[in-house]
Amino acid sequence: MELENRFIVPLGRPDAMKVLTDVPRIAPCIPGASLTGEEDGLYSGQANVRLGPVALSFAGTASITSIDNDAHTAQVKAQGSDKKGRGQAEAIMTFALEEAENGQTEVIVRTDVLLSGSIAQYGRASGLINVVAGQIVSQFSENLKTDILEKQGDEVEQGASVDLETKTNEQETPTDNSGKQASTNAPKNELNVFALLIAIVKSWFTKSK
């Protein structure tokens, strides 16, 4: 079963590629998914998904098998198993980054999914799986966008606080207090593409069950 999804990242291609291949950063952006470990480039995680009345919980692994920074493409291989033994899913996902309007990047994700066990019945409902996968990617892209914008805001705020603190050092205590206040509102963000890939793939797996 083949799936294709697209979303926009509010960054240029080089920066978007860095974010999308930073697994720990993007993992928290994937709905229902969490990253549980990493060893030698192999990431482990789990995802909880509800498909109608059926609640699915998957555990699996994923690894980036290739990255081409010049072509702005990458490939990820992932596999997951339902915790209740209802089947397994394997996927090979490729993503390509293309320039979009206003200095943004469009990410095209193509996934080849193989289902086995009782969950394979969902493979026959490819239309439903496409809808669910689309919803997951949409939520992920919104979460990622929020994360990126918050990080950019933190960087601007941090720069402003440093500037303000420099000025307060030349003035009296009242201004100095506001300078300290500004400097406390510092950054708090992180980002990751591999996590994105893992989350998306696992989400697809769970949904396809």
N, C-alpha and C. Protein backbone atom coordinates (compact mmCIF):
# COMPACT_ATOMS: atom_id res chain seq x y z
N MET A 1 0.85 -1.18 0.00
CA MET A 1 0.00 0.00 0.00
C MET A 1 0.89 1.24 0.00
N GLU A 2 0.61 2.18 -0.91
CA GLU A 2 1.41 3.38 -1.02
C GLU A 2 0.62 4.61 -0.57
N LEU A 3 1.27 5.47 0.19
CA LEU A 3 0.65 6.69 0.69
C LEU A 3 1.50 7.89 0.28
N GLU A 4 0.84 9.02 0.08
CA GLU A 4 1.59 10.26 -0.20
C GLU A 4 0.95 11.40 0.58
N ASN A 5 1.77 12.16 1.27
CA ASN A 5 1.31 13.31 2.04
C ASN A 5 2.26 14.47 1.85
N ARG A 6 1.73 15.68 2.00
CA ARG A 6 2.53 16.89 1.84
C ARG A 6 2.23 17.86 2.97
N PHE A 7 3.25 18.61 3.36
CA PHE A 7 3.03 19.67 4.35
C PHE A 7 4.10 20.74 4.19
N ILE A 8 3.83 21.91 4.77
CA ILE A 8 4.74 23.05 4.65
C ILE A 8 5.50 23.28 5.96
N VAL A 9 6.78 23.54 5.83
CA VAL A 9 7.63 23.89 6.98
C VAL A 9 8.06 25.35 6.79
N PRO A 10 7.86 26.20 7.81
CA PRO A 10 8.19 27.63 7.68
C PRO A 10 9.68 27.93 7.79
N LEU A 11 10.48 27.19 7.00
CA LEU A 11 11.93 27.39 6.97
C LEU A 11 12.42 27.14 5.56
N GLY A 12 13.61 27.62 5.23
CA GLY A 12 14.22 27.31 3.95
C GLY A 12 14.66 25.85 3.95
N ARG A 13 14.97 25.29 2.77
CA ARG A 13 15.28 23.87 2.68
C ARG A 13 16.44 23.40 3.57
N PRO A 14 17.57 24.11 3.61
CA PRO A 14 18.67 23.63 4.46
C PRO A 14 18.27 23.52 5.94
N ASP A 15 17.59 24.55 6.45
CA ASP A 15 17.17 24.52 7.85
C ASP A 15 16.06 23.50 8.08
N ALA A 16 15.15 23.37 7.11
CA ALA A 16 14.07 22.39 7.23
C ALA A 16 14.64 20.98 7.28
N MET A 17 15.68 20.72 6.48
CA MET A 17 16.30 19.40 6.47
C MET A 17 16.94 19.10 7.82
N LYS A 18 17.59 20.09 8.42
CA LYS A 18 18.21 19.89 9.73
C LYS A 18 17.16 19.53 10.78
N VAL A 19 16.04 20.23 10.72
CA VAL A 19 14.98 19.99 11.70
C VAL A 19 14.36 18.62 11.49
N LEU A 20 14.06 18.30 10.26
CA LEU A 20 13.37 17.05 9.96
C LEU A 20 14.23 15.82 10.18
N THR A 21 15.53 15.99 10.27
CA THR A 21 16.39 14.84 10.53
C THR A 21 16.90 14.84 11.97
N ASP A 22 16.31 15.66 12.79
CA ASP A 22 16.64 15.72 14.22
C ASP A 22 15.51 15.01 14.98
N VAL A 23 15.63 13.71 15.11
CA VAL A 23 14.54 12.90 15.66
C VAL A 23 14.04 13.33 17.04
N PRO A 24 14.92 13.49 18.01
CA PRO A 24 14.45 13.86 19.35
C PRO A 24 13.64 15.15 19.36
N ARG A 25 13.91 16.04 18.43
CA ARG A 25 13.19 17.31 18.42
C ARG A 25 11.79 17.19 17.85
N ILE A 26 11.64 16.43 16.79
CA ILE A 26 10.32 16.38 16.15
C ILE A 26 9.38 15.34 16.75
N ALA A 27 9.94 14.36 17.45
CA ALA A 27 9.10 13.30 18.03
C ALA A 27 7.94 13.83 18.85
N PRO A 28 8.16 14.83 19.72
CA PRO A 28 7.06 15.35 20.53
C PRO A 28 5.95 16.00 19.70
N CYS A 29 6.25 16.29 18.44
CA CYS A 29 5.25 16.95 17.58
C CYS A 29 4.28 15.95 16.97
N ILE A 30 4.59 14.66 17.06
CA ILE A 30 3.75 13.64 16.44
C ILE A 30 2.66 13.19 17.39
N PRO A 31 1.39 13.38 17.00
CA PRO A 31 0.27 13.03 17.88
C PRO A 31 0.25 11.55 18.25
N GLY A 32 0.18 11.26 19.56
CA GLY A 32 0.07 9.89 20.03
C GLY A 32 1.37 9.11 20.04
N ALA A 33 2.47 9.74 19.62
CA ALA A 33 3.74 9.01 19.52
C ALA A 33 4.75 9.53 20.53
N SER A 34 5.67 8.65 20.92
CA SER A 34 6.74 9.06 21.83
C SER A 34 8.01 8.29 21.51
N LEU A 35 9.13 8.94 21.68
CA LEU A 35 10.44 8.34 21.44
C LEU A 35 10.93 7.77 22.76
N THR A 36 11.33 6.48 22.76
CA THR A 36 11.73 5.85 24.02
C THR A 36 13.22 5.54 24.13
N GLY A 37 13.94 5.60 23.01
CA GLY A 37 15.37 5.32 23.08
C GLY A 37 16.05 5.41 21.74
N GLU A 38 17.39 5.34 21.79
CA GLU A 38 18.19 5.39 20.56
C GLU A 38 19.52 4.69 20.80
N GLU A 39 19.93 3.88 19.84
CA GLU A 39 21.22 3.20 19.92
C GLU A 39 21.78 3.02 18.53
N ASP A 40 22.93 3.62 18.29
CA ASP A 40 23.61 3.52 17.00
C ASP A 40 22.70 3.87 15.82
N GLY A 41 21.93 4.94 15.97
CA GLY A 41 21.09 5.39 14.87
C GLY A 41 19.77 4.66 14.73
N LEU A 42 19.49 3.72 15.62
CA LEU A 42 18.21 3.00 15.59
C LEU A 42 17.34 3.58 16.71
N TYR A 43 16.22 4.19 16.32
CA TYR A 43 15.32 4.83 17.28
C TYR A 43 14.17 3.90 17.63
N SER A 44 13.84 3.84 18.91
CA SER A 44 12.70 3.04 19.35
C SER A 44 11.63 3.99 19.88
N GLY A 45 10.38 3.56 19.73
CA GLY A 45 9.29 4.41 20.18
C GLY A 45 7.98 3.66 20.21
N GLN A 46 6.92 4.37 20.58
CA GLN A 46 5.60 3.75 20.62
C GLN A 46 4.55 4.77 20.21
N ALA A 47 3.40 4.26 19.80
CA ALA A 47 2.32 5.15 19.37
C ALA A 47 0.98 4.55 19.77
N ASN A 48 0.10 5.40 20.26
CA ASN A 48 -1.26 4.99 20.64
C ASN A 48 -2.24 5.68 19.70
N VAL A 49 -3.07 4.87 19.06
CA VAL A 49 -4.00 5.43 18.09
C VAL A 49 -5.37 4.78 18.23
N ARG A 50 -6.40 5.58 18.04
CA ARG A 50 -7.76 5.04 18.07
C ARG A 50 -8.35 5.12 16.67
N LEU A 51 -8.76 3.97 16.16
CA LEU A 51 -9.38 3.90 14.84
C LEU A 51 -10.83 3.49 15.05
N GLY A 52 -11.72 4.48 15.12
CA GLY A 52 -13.11 4.18 15.45
C GLY A 52 -13.15 3.66 16.88
N PRO A 53 -13.79 2.49 17.10
CA PRO A 53 -13.90 1.93 18.45
C PRO A 53 -12.65 1.15 18.86
N VAL A 54 -11.71 0.98 17.94
CA VAL A 54 -10.53 0.15 18.21
C VAL A 54 -9.35 1.00 18.67
N ALA A 55 -8.82 0.68 19.85
CA ALA A 55 -7.64 1.38 20.37
C ALA A 55 -6.41 0.53 20.07
N LEU A 56 -5.42 1.11 19.43
CA LEU A 56 -4.21 0.39 19.06
C LEU A 56 -3.00 1.00 19.75
N SER A 57 -2.10 0.11 20.15
CA SER A 57 -0.86 0.56 20.78
C SER A 57 0.29 -0.19 20.15
N PHE A 58 1.19 0.55 19.51
CA PHE A 58 2.30 -0.07 18.80
C PHE A 58 3.65 0.31 19.39
N ALA A 59 4.57 -0.65 19.31
CA ALA A 59 5.96 -0.39 19.69
C ALA A 59 6.81 -0.77 18.49
N GLY A 60 7.84 0.02 18.20
CA GLY A 60 8.64 -0.29 17.03
C GLY A 60 9.93 0.49 16.98
N THR A 61 10.61 0.34 15.85
CA THR A 61 11.89 1.01 15.65
C THR A 61 11.93 1.64 14.27
N ALA A 62 12.84 2.60 14.11
CA ALA A 62 13.01 3.25 12.82
C ALA A 62 14.45 3.74 12.70
N SER A 63 14.94 3.77 11.48
CA SER A 63 16.29 4.27 11.25
C SER A 63 16.33 5.01 9.92
N ILE A 64 17.16 6.01 9.86
CA ILE A 64 17.34 6.75 8.61
C ILE A 64 18.35 5.98 7.78
N THR A 65 17.94 5.52 6.63
CA THR A 65 18.82 4.70 5.80
C THR A 65 19.62 5.52 4.80
N SER A 66 19.16 6.72 4.48
CA SER A 66 19.93 7.57 3.57
C SER A 66 19.52 9.03 3.71
N ILE A 67 20.50 9.92 3.56
CA ILE A 67 20.26 11.36 3.57
C ILE A 67 21.10 11.98 2.46
N ASP A 68 20.48 12.80 1.63
CA ASP A 68 21.19 13.52 0.57
C ASP A 68 20.93 15.00 0.79
N ASN A 69 21.86 15.67 1.44
CA ASN A 69 21.66 17.09 1.76
C ASN A 69 21.66 17.97 0.52
N ASP A 70 22.36 17.54 -0.53
CA ASP A 70 22.39 18.33 -1.76
C ASP A 70 21.06 18.26 -2.50
N ALA A 71 20.48 17.04 -2.53
CA ALA A 71 19.20 16.85 -3.22
C ALA A 71 18.02 17.12 -2.29
N HIS A 72 18.31 17.30 -1.01
CA HIS A 72 17.26 17.54 0.00
C HIS A 72 16.27 16.38 0.06
N THR A 73 16.81 15.17 0.13
CA THR A 73 15.97 13.98 0.23
C THR A 73 16.51 13.05 1.32
N ALA A 74 15.64 12.17 1.81
CA ALA A 74 16.07 11.20 2.81
C ALA A 74 15.12 10.01 2.77
N GLN A 75 15.58 8.90 3.32
CA GLN A 75 14.75 7.69 3.37
C GLN A 75 14.82 7.09 4.77
N VAL A 76 13.67 6.61 5.22
CA VAL A 76 13.57 6.01 6.56
C VAL A 76 12.90 4.64 6.45
N LYS A 77 13.43 3.70 7.22
CA LYS A 77 12.82 2.37 7.28
C LYS A 77 12.33 2.16 8.69
N ALA A 78 11.09 1.68 8.83
CA ALA A 78 10.51 1.50 10.16
C ALA A 78 9.68 0.23 10.24
N GLN A 79 9.53 -0.26 11.46
CA GLN A 79 8.67 -1.43 11.69
C GLN A 79 8.06 -1.30 13.06
N GLY A 80 6.84 -1.83 13.20
CA GLY A 80 6.16 -1.77 14.49
C GLY A 80 5.28 -2.99 14.69
N SER A 81 5.06 -3.34 15.96
CA SER A 81 4.21 -4.48 16.30
C SER A 81 3.14 -4.04 17.29
N ASP A 82 1.93 -4.52 17.07
CA ASP A 82 0.85 -4.22 18.00
C ASP A 82 1.12 -4.92 19.32
N LYS A 83 0.98 -4.21 20.43
CA LYS A 83 1.30 -4.77 21.74
C LYS A 83 0.39 -5.93 22.14
N LYS A 84 -0.77 -6.04 21.49
CA LYS A 84 -1.69 -7.14 21.79
C LYS A 84 -1.54 -8.29 20.80
N GLY A 85 -0.48 -8.23 19.99
CA GLY A 85 -0.20 -9.32 19.07
C GLY A 85 -1.11 -9.41 17.86
N ARG A 86 -1.73 -8.30 17.49
CA ARG A 86 -2.67 -8.34 16.36
C ARG A 86 -2.00 -8.16 15.01
N GLY A 87 -0.69 -8.02 15.00
CA GLY A 87 0.00 -7.93 13.73
C GLY A 87 1.18 -6.97 13.74
N GLN A 88 1.78 -6.84 12.57
CA GLN A 88 2.94 -5.99 12.42
C GLN A 88 2.80 -5.10 11.19
N ALA A 89 3.63 -4.09 11.15
CA ALA A 89 3.65 -3.20 9.99
C ALA A 89 5.10 -2.81 9.69
N GLU A 90 5.41 -2.77 8.42
CA GLU A 90 6.73 -2.33 7.99
C GLU A 90 6.52 -1.22 6.97
N ALA A 91 7.44 -0.28 6.95
CA ALA A 91 7.29 0.83 6.00
C ALA A 91 8.64 1.37 5.57
N ILE A 92 8.69 1.77 4.32
CA ILE A 92 9.84 2.49 3.79
C ILE A 92 9.31 3.85 3.38
N MET A 93 9.84 4.87 3.99
CA MET A 93 9.35 6.22 3.73
C MET A 93 10.45 7.08 3.13
N THR A 94 10.12 7.75 2.06
CA THR A 94 11.06 8.68 1.44
C THR A 94 10.45 10.08 1.51
N PHE A 95 11.28 11.07 1.76
CA PHE A 95 10.75 12.42 1.75
C PHE A 95 11.67 13.33 0.95
N ALA A 96 11.05 14.25 0.24
CA ALA A 96 11.77 15.21 -0.59
C ALA A 96 11.33 16.61 -0.21
N LEU A 97 12.28 17.52 -0.15
CA LEU A 97 11.99 18.91 0.21
C LEU A 97 12.08 19.79 -1.03
N GLU A 98 11.02 20.55 -1.27
CA GLU A 98 10.99 21.45 -2.41
C GLU A 98 10.73 22.88 -1.95
N GLU A 99 11.28 23.82 -2.69
CA GLU A 99 11.09 25.23 -2.33
C GLU A 99 9.63 25.62 -2.49
N ALA A 100 9.13 26.37 -1.54
CA ALA A 100 7.75 26.86 -1.59
C ALA A 100 7.77 28.39 -1.51
N GLU A 101 6.59 28.99 -1.51
CA GLU A 101 6.50 30.45 -1.48
C GLU A 101 6.99 31.02 -0.15
N ASN A 102 7.42 32.28 -0.22
CA ASN A 102 7.82 33.04 0.98
C ASN A 102 8.96 32.38 1.76
N GLY A 103 9.87 31.74 1.03
CA GLY A 103 11.03 31.14 1.68
C GLY A 103 10.74 29.91 2.50
N GLN A 104 9.57 29.30 2.30
CA GLN A 104 9.20 28.10 3.06
C GLN A 104 9.57 26.84 2.26
N THR A 105 9.31 25.69 2.86
CA THR A 105 9.65 24.42 2.22
C THR A 105 8.44 23.48 2.22
N GLU A 106 8.19 22.86 1.07
CA GLU A 106 7.14 21.84 1.00
C GLU A 106 7.80 20.47 1.13
N VAL A 107 7.29 19.67 2.05
CA VAL A 107 7.83 18.33 2.28
C VAL A 107 6.86 17.31 1.67
N ILE A 108 7.38 16.50 0.74
CA ILE A 108 6.57 15.46 0.11
C ILE A 108 7.00 14.11 0.69
N VAL A 109 6.07 13.43 1.35
CA VAL A 109 6.37 12.15 2.00
C VAL A 109 5.66 11.02 1.25
N ARG A 110 6.45 10.07 0.78
CA ARG A 110 5.88 8.89 0.10
C ARG A 110 6.24 7.66 0.92
N THR A 111 5.21 6.87 1.24
CA THR A 111 5.40 5.72 2.12
C THR A 111 4.85 4.45 1.50
N ASP A 112 5.66 3.39 1.55
CA ASP A 112 5.23 2.07 1.10
C ASP A 112 5.04 1.22 2.35
N VAL A 113 3.79 0.85 2.65
CA VAL A 113 3.47 0.14 3.90
C VAL A 113 3.06 -1.30 3.63
N LEU A 114 3.59 -2.22 4.45
CA LEU A 114 3.22 -3.63 4.38
C LEU A 114 2.66 -4.04 5.73
N LEU A 115 1.40 -4.55 5.74
CA LEU A 115 0.75 -4.97 6.98
C LEU A 115 0.63 -6.49 7.01
N SER A 116 0.77 -7.06 8.22
CA SER A 116 0.61 -8.51 8.37
C SER A 116 -0.18 -8.80 9.64
N GLY A 117 -0.72 -10.02 9.74
CA GLY A 117 -1.54 -10.36 10.89
C GLY A 117 -2.96 -9.86 10.70
N SER A 118 -3.74 -9.84 11.79
CA SER A 118 -5.14 -9.44 11.68
C SER A 118 -5.29 -7.98 11.27
N ILE A 119 -4.28 -7.17 11.52
CA ILE A 119 -4.39 -5.76 11.14
C ILE A 119 -4.29 -5.56 9.63
N ALA A 120 -3.90 -6.62 8.92
CA ALA A 120 -3.77 -6.51 7.47
C ALA A 120 -5.11 -6.18 6.82
N GLN A 121 -6.23 -6.47 7.52
CA GLN A 121 -7.55 -6.16 6.95
C GLN A 121 -7.71 -4.67 6.69
N TYR A 122 -6.98 -3.85 7.47
CA TYR A 122 -7.08 -2.41 7.27
C TYR A 122 -6.41 -1.98 5.98
N GLY A 123 -5.53 -2.84 5.49
CA GLY A 123 -4.87 -2.52 4.24
C GLY A 123 -5.84 -2.46 3.08
N ARG A 124 -6.97 -3.15 3.23
CA ARG A 124 -7.98 -3.13 2.17
C ARG A 124 -8.81 -1.86 2.23
N ALA A 125 -8.72 -1.17 3.36
CA ALA A 125 -9.45 0.09 3.50
C ALA A 125 -8.48 1.25 3.31
N SER A 126 -7.79 1.25 2.16
CA SER A 126 -6.75 2.25 1.92
C SER A 126 -7.27 3.67 1.98
N GLY A 127 -8.56 3.85 1.60
CA GLY A 127 -9.12 5.20 1.65
C GLY A 127 -9.16 5.73 3.07
N LEU A 128 -9.57 4.87 4.01
CA LEU A 128 -9.63 5.26 5.42
C LEU A 128 -8.23 5.55 5.95
N ILE A 129 -7.28 4.69 5.59
CA ILE A 129 -5.91 4.87 6.06
C ILE A 129 -5.34 6.18 5.54
N ASN A 130 -5.65 6.50 4.28
CA ASN A 130 -5.18 7.76 3.71
C ASN A 130 -5.71 8.96 4.48
N VAL A 131 -6.99 8.87 4.86
CA VAL A 131 -7.61 9.97 5.61
C VAL A 131 -6.94 10.13 6.97
N VAL A 132 -6.76 9.01 7.67
CA VAL A 132 -6.15 9.05 9.00
C VAL A 132 -4.70 9.55 8.91
N ALA A 133 -3.96 9.03 7.93
CA ALA A 133 -2.57 9.46 7.76
C ALA A 133 -2.52 10.95 7.48
N GLY A 134 -3.45 11.43 6.66
CA GLY A 134 -3.50 12.85 6.35
C GLY A 134 -3.75 13.69 7.59
N GLN A 135 -4.64 13.20 8.47
CA GLN A 135 -4.93 13.93 9.71
C GLN A 135 -3.71 13.98 10.62
N ILE A 136 -2.99 12.89 10.69
CA ILE A 136 -1.80 12.82 11.54
C ILE A 136 -0.73 13.79 11.04
N VAL A 137 -0.50 13.75 9.72
CA VAL A 137 0.51 14.63 9.14
C VAL A 137 0.11 16.08 9.33
N SER A 138 -1.19 16.36 9.18
CA SER A 138 -1.67 17.74 9.35
C SER A 138 -1.42 18.22 10.78
N GLN A 139 -1.74 17.37 11.77
CA GLN A 139 -1.53 17.74 13.17
C GLN A 139 -0.04 17.90 13.46
N PHE A 140 0.74 16.98 12.89
CA PHE A 140 2.19 17.04 13.10
C PHE A 140 2.76 18.35 12.55
N SER A 141 2.34 18.70 11.32
CA SER A 141 2.87 19.91 10.69
C SER A 141 2.50 21.16 11.49
N GLU A 142 1.29 21.18 12.06
CA GLU A 142 0.88 22.32 12.88
C GLU A 142 1.71 22.40 14.16
N ASN A 143 1.94 21.23 14.79
CA ASN A 143 2.75 21.20 16.01
C ASN A 143 4.19 21.62 15.72
N LEU A 144 4.70 21.15 14.58
CA LEU A 144 6.07 21.49 14.20
C LEU A 144 6.20 22.98 13.91
N LYS A 145 5.20 23.52 13.22
CA LYS A 145 5.21 24.95 12.90
C LYS A 145 5.22 25.77 14.19
N THR A 146 4.39 25.38 15.15
CA THR A 146 4.33 26.08 16.43
C THR A 146 5.68 26.01 17.14
N ASP A 147 6.29 24.83 17.10
CA ASP A 147 7.59 24.64 17.74
C ASP A 147 8.66 25.54 17.11
N ILE A 148 8.66 25.60 15.79
CA ILE A 148 9.64 26.42 15.07
C ILE A 148 9.45 27.89 15.38
N LEU A 149 8.20 28.35 15.31
CA LEU A 149 7.92 29.76 15.56
C LEU A 149 8.24 30.15 17.00
N GLU A 150 7.97 29.25 17.95
CA GLU A 150 8.29 29.53 19.35
C GLU A 150 9.79 29.63 19.54
N LYS A 151 10.53 28.75 18.86
CA LYS A 151 11.98 28.78 18.97
C LYS A 151 12.54 30.07 18.40
N GLN A 152 11.99 30.47 17.24
CA GLN A 152 12.43 31.73 16.63
C GLN A 152 12.12 32.90 17.55
N GLY A 153 10.93 32.86 18.18
CA GLY A 153 10.54 33.92 19.10
C GLY A 153 11.46 33.97 20.31
N ASP A 154 11.83 32.80 20.81
CA ASP A 154 12.74 32.74 21.95
C ASP A 154 14.09 33.34 21.61
N GLU A 155 14.57 33.05 20.38
CA GLU A 155 15.87 33.57 19.96
C GLU A 155 15.83 35.09 19.86
N VAL A 156 14.72 35.62 19.31
CA VAL A 156 14.57 37.07 19.19
C VAL A 156 14.50 37.69 20.58
N GLU A 157 13.71 37.05 21.45
CA GLU A 157 13.53 37.56 22.82
C GLU A 157 14.85 37.52 23.58
N GLN A 158 15.60 36.45 23.36
CA GLN A 158 16.89 36.33 24.05
C GLN A 158 17.83 37.44 23.60
N GLY A 159 17.84 37.70 22.28
CA GLY A 159 18.68 38.76 21.75
C GLY A 159 18.27 40.11 22.31
N ALA A 160 16.96 40.32 22.41
CA ALA A 160 16.45 41.60 22.92
C ALA A 160 16.80 41.76 24.40
N SER A 161 16.74 40.65 25.15
CA SER A 161 17.03 40.73 26.58
C SER A 161 18.50 41.05 26.81
N VAL A 162 19.38 40.51 25.96
CA VAL A 162 20.80 40.80 26.08
C VAL A 162 21.05 42.28 25.80
N ASP A 163 20.36 42.79 24.77
CA ASP A 163 20.48 44.20 24.41
C ASP A 163 19.99 45.09 25.55
N LEU A 164 18.85 44.69 26.12
CA LEU A 164 18.26 45.46 27.21
C LEU A 164 19.14 45.42 28.45
N GLU A 165 19.73 44.25 28.70
CA GLU A 165 20.58 44.11 29.88
C GLU A 165 21.82 44.99 29.75
N THR A 166 22.34 45.11 28.53
CA THR A 166 23.50 45.96 28.31
C THR A 166 23.17 47.40 28.63
N LYS A 167 21.97 47.82 28.21
CA LYS A 167 21.55 49.20 28.46
C LYS A 167 21.32 49.44 29.95
N THR A 168 20.74 48.46 30.63
CA THR A 168 20.43 48.65 32.05
C THR A 168 21.69 48.77 32.89
N ASN A 169 22.76 48.14 32.41
CA ASN A 169 24.02 48.24 33.15
C ASN A 169 24.54 49.67 33.19
N GLU A 170 24.04 50.50 32.28
CA GLU A 170 24.48 51.89 32.22
C GLU A 170 23.51 52.81 32.95
N GLN A 171 22.43 52.24 33.50
CA GLN A 171 21.42 53.07 34.15
C GLN A 171 21.19 52.64 35.59
N GLU A 172 20.09 53.17 36.16
CA GLU A 172 19.79 52.91 37.56
C GLU A 172 19.11 51.57 37.77
N THR A 173 18.87 51.21 39.01
CA THR A 173 18.28 49.93 39.39
C THR A 173 16.95 49.59 38.75
N PRO A 174 15.95 50.52 38.67
CA PRO A 174 14.65 50.18 38.08
C PRO A 174 14.79 49.55 36.71
N THR A 175 15.61 50.19 35.85
CA THR A 175 15.78 49.65 34.50
C THR A 175 16.47 48.30 34.56
N ASP A 176 17.38 48.19 35.54
CA ASP A 176 18.14 46.96 35.68
C ASP A 176 17.22 45.79 35.98
N ASN A 177 16.19 46.04 36.80
CA ASN A 177 15.24 44.98 37.12
C ASN A 177 14.52 44.49 35.88
N SER A 178 14.09 45.40 35.01
CA SER A 178 13.38 44.97 33.81
C SER A 178 14.31 44.21 32.91
N GLY A 179 15.59 44.58 32.94
CA GLY A 179 16.55 43.86 32.13
C GLY A 179 16.67 42.43 32.58
N LYS A 180 16.69 42.23 33.90
CA LYS A 180 16.80 40.87 34.42
C LYS A 180 15.56 40.07 34.08
N GLN A 181 14.42 40.75 34.15
CA GLN A 181 13.17 40.07 33.83
C GLN A 181 13.21 39.57 32.40
N ALA A 182 13.64 40.41 31.50
CA ALA A 182 13.67 40.03 30.09
C ALA A 182 14.60 38.86 29.88
N SER A 183 15.74 38.84 30.58
CA SER A 183 16.71 37.78 30.36
C SER A 183 16.23 36.44 30.90
N THR A 184 15.27 36.47 31.83
CA THR A 184 14.76 35.20 32.34
C THR A 184 13.82 34.52 31.36
N ASN A 185 13.21 35.30 30.47
CA ASN A 185 12.30 34.72 29.49
C ASN A 185 13.09 34.12 28.33
N ALA A 186 13.99 33.20 28.63
CA ALA A 186 14.86 32.65 27.60
C ALA A 186 14.25 31.47 26.88
N PRO A 187 15.00 30.86 25.96
CA PRO A 187 14.52 29.78 25.12
C PRO A 187 14.12 28.51 25.87
N LYS A 188 13.38 27.65 25.19
CA LYS A 188 12.94 26.41 25.82
C LYS A 188 12.66 25.34 24.79
N ASN A 189 13.11 25.51 23.57
CA ASN A 189 12.71 24.65 22.47
C ASN A 189 13.72 23.63 21.98
N GLU A 190 13.18 22.64 21.23
CA GLU A 190 13.99 21.68 20.52
C GLU A 190 13.22 21.17 19.33
N LEU A 191 13.95 20.50 18.41
CA LEU A 191 13.30 20.10 17.18
C LEU A 191 13.93 18.84 16.61
N ASN A 192 13.19 18.04 15.75
CA ASN A 192 13.77 16.85 15.16
C ASN A 192 12.99 16.25 14.02
N VAL A 193 13.67 15.98 12.90
CA VAL A 193 13.02 15.43 11.73
C VAL A 193 12.87 13.96 11.80
N PHE A 194 13.89 13.29 12.28
CA PHE A 194 13.81 11.84 12.35
C PHE A 194 12.64 11.48 13.21
N ALA A 195 12.48 12.22 14.27
CA ALA A 195 11.35 11.98 15.13
C ALA A 195 10.10 12.16 14.34
N LEU A 196 10.11 13.11 13.50
CA LEU A 196 8.95 13.36 12.65
C LEU A 196 8.69 12.13 11.81
N LEU A 197 9.73 11.64 11.18
CA LEU A 197 9.59 10.49 10.32
C LEU A 197 9.08 9.30 11.11
N ILE A 198 9.72 9.07 12.25
CA ILE A 198 9.32 7.94 13.07
C ILE A 198 7.87 8.08 13.49
N ALA A 199 7.54 9.26 13.97
CA ALA A 199 6.19 9.50 14.44
C ALA A 199 5.19 9.29 13.34
N ILE A 200 5.46 9.84 12.18
CA ILE A 200 4.53 9.71 11.06
C ILE A 200 4.35 8.25 10.68
N VAL A 201 5.48 7.56 10.54
CA VAL A 201 5.42 6.15 10.13
C VAL A 201 4.67 5.33 11.16
N LYS A 202 4.99 5.54 12.43
CA LYS A 202 4.34 4.76 13.46
C LYS A 202 2.87 5.09 13.54
N SER A 203 2.56 6.34 13.37
CA SER A 203 1.16 6.74 13.39
C SER A 203 0.43 6.04 12.26
N TRP A 204 1.06 6.00 11.11
CA TRP A 204 0.44 5.33 9.97
C TRP A 204 0.22 3.87 10.30
N PHE A 205 1.26 3.26 10.92
CA PHE A 205 1.18 1.85 11.26
C PHE A 205 -0.03 1.62 12.14
N THR A 206 -0.08 2.40 13.22
CA THR A 206 -1.15 2.20 14.18
C THR A 206 -2.50 2.40 13.54
N LYS A 207 -2.57 3.37 12.65
CA LYS A 207 -3.85 3.64 12.03
C LYS A 207 -4.25 2.55 11.07
N SER A 208 -3.23 1.97 10.45
CA SER A 208 -3.55 0.96 9.49
C SER A 208 -3.94 -0.35 10.13
N LYS A 209 -3.84 -0.39 11.47
CA LYS A 209 -4.21 -1.62 12.14
C LYS A 209 -5.71 -1.70 12.25
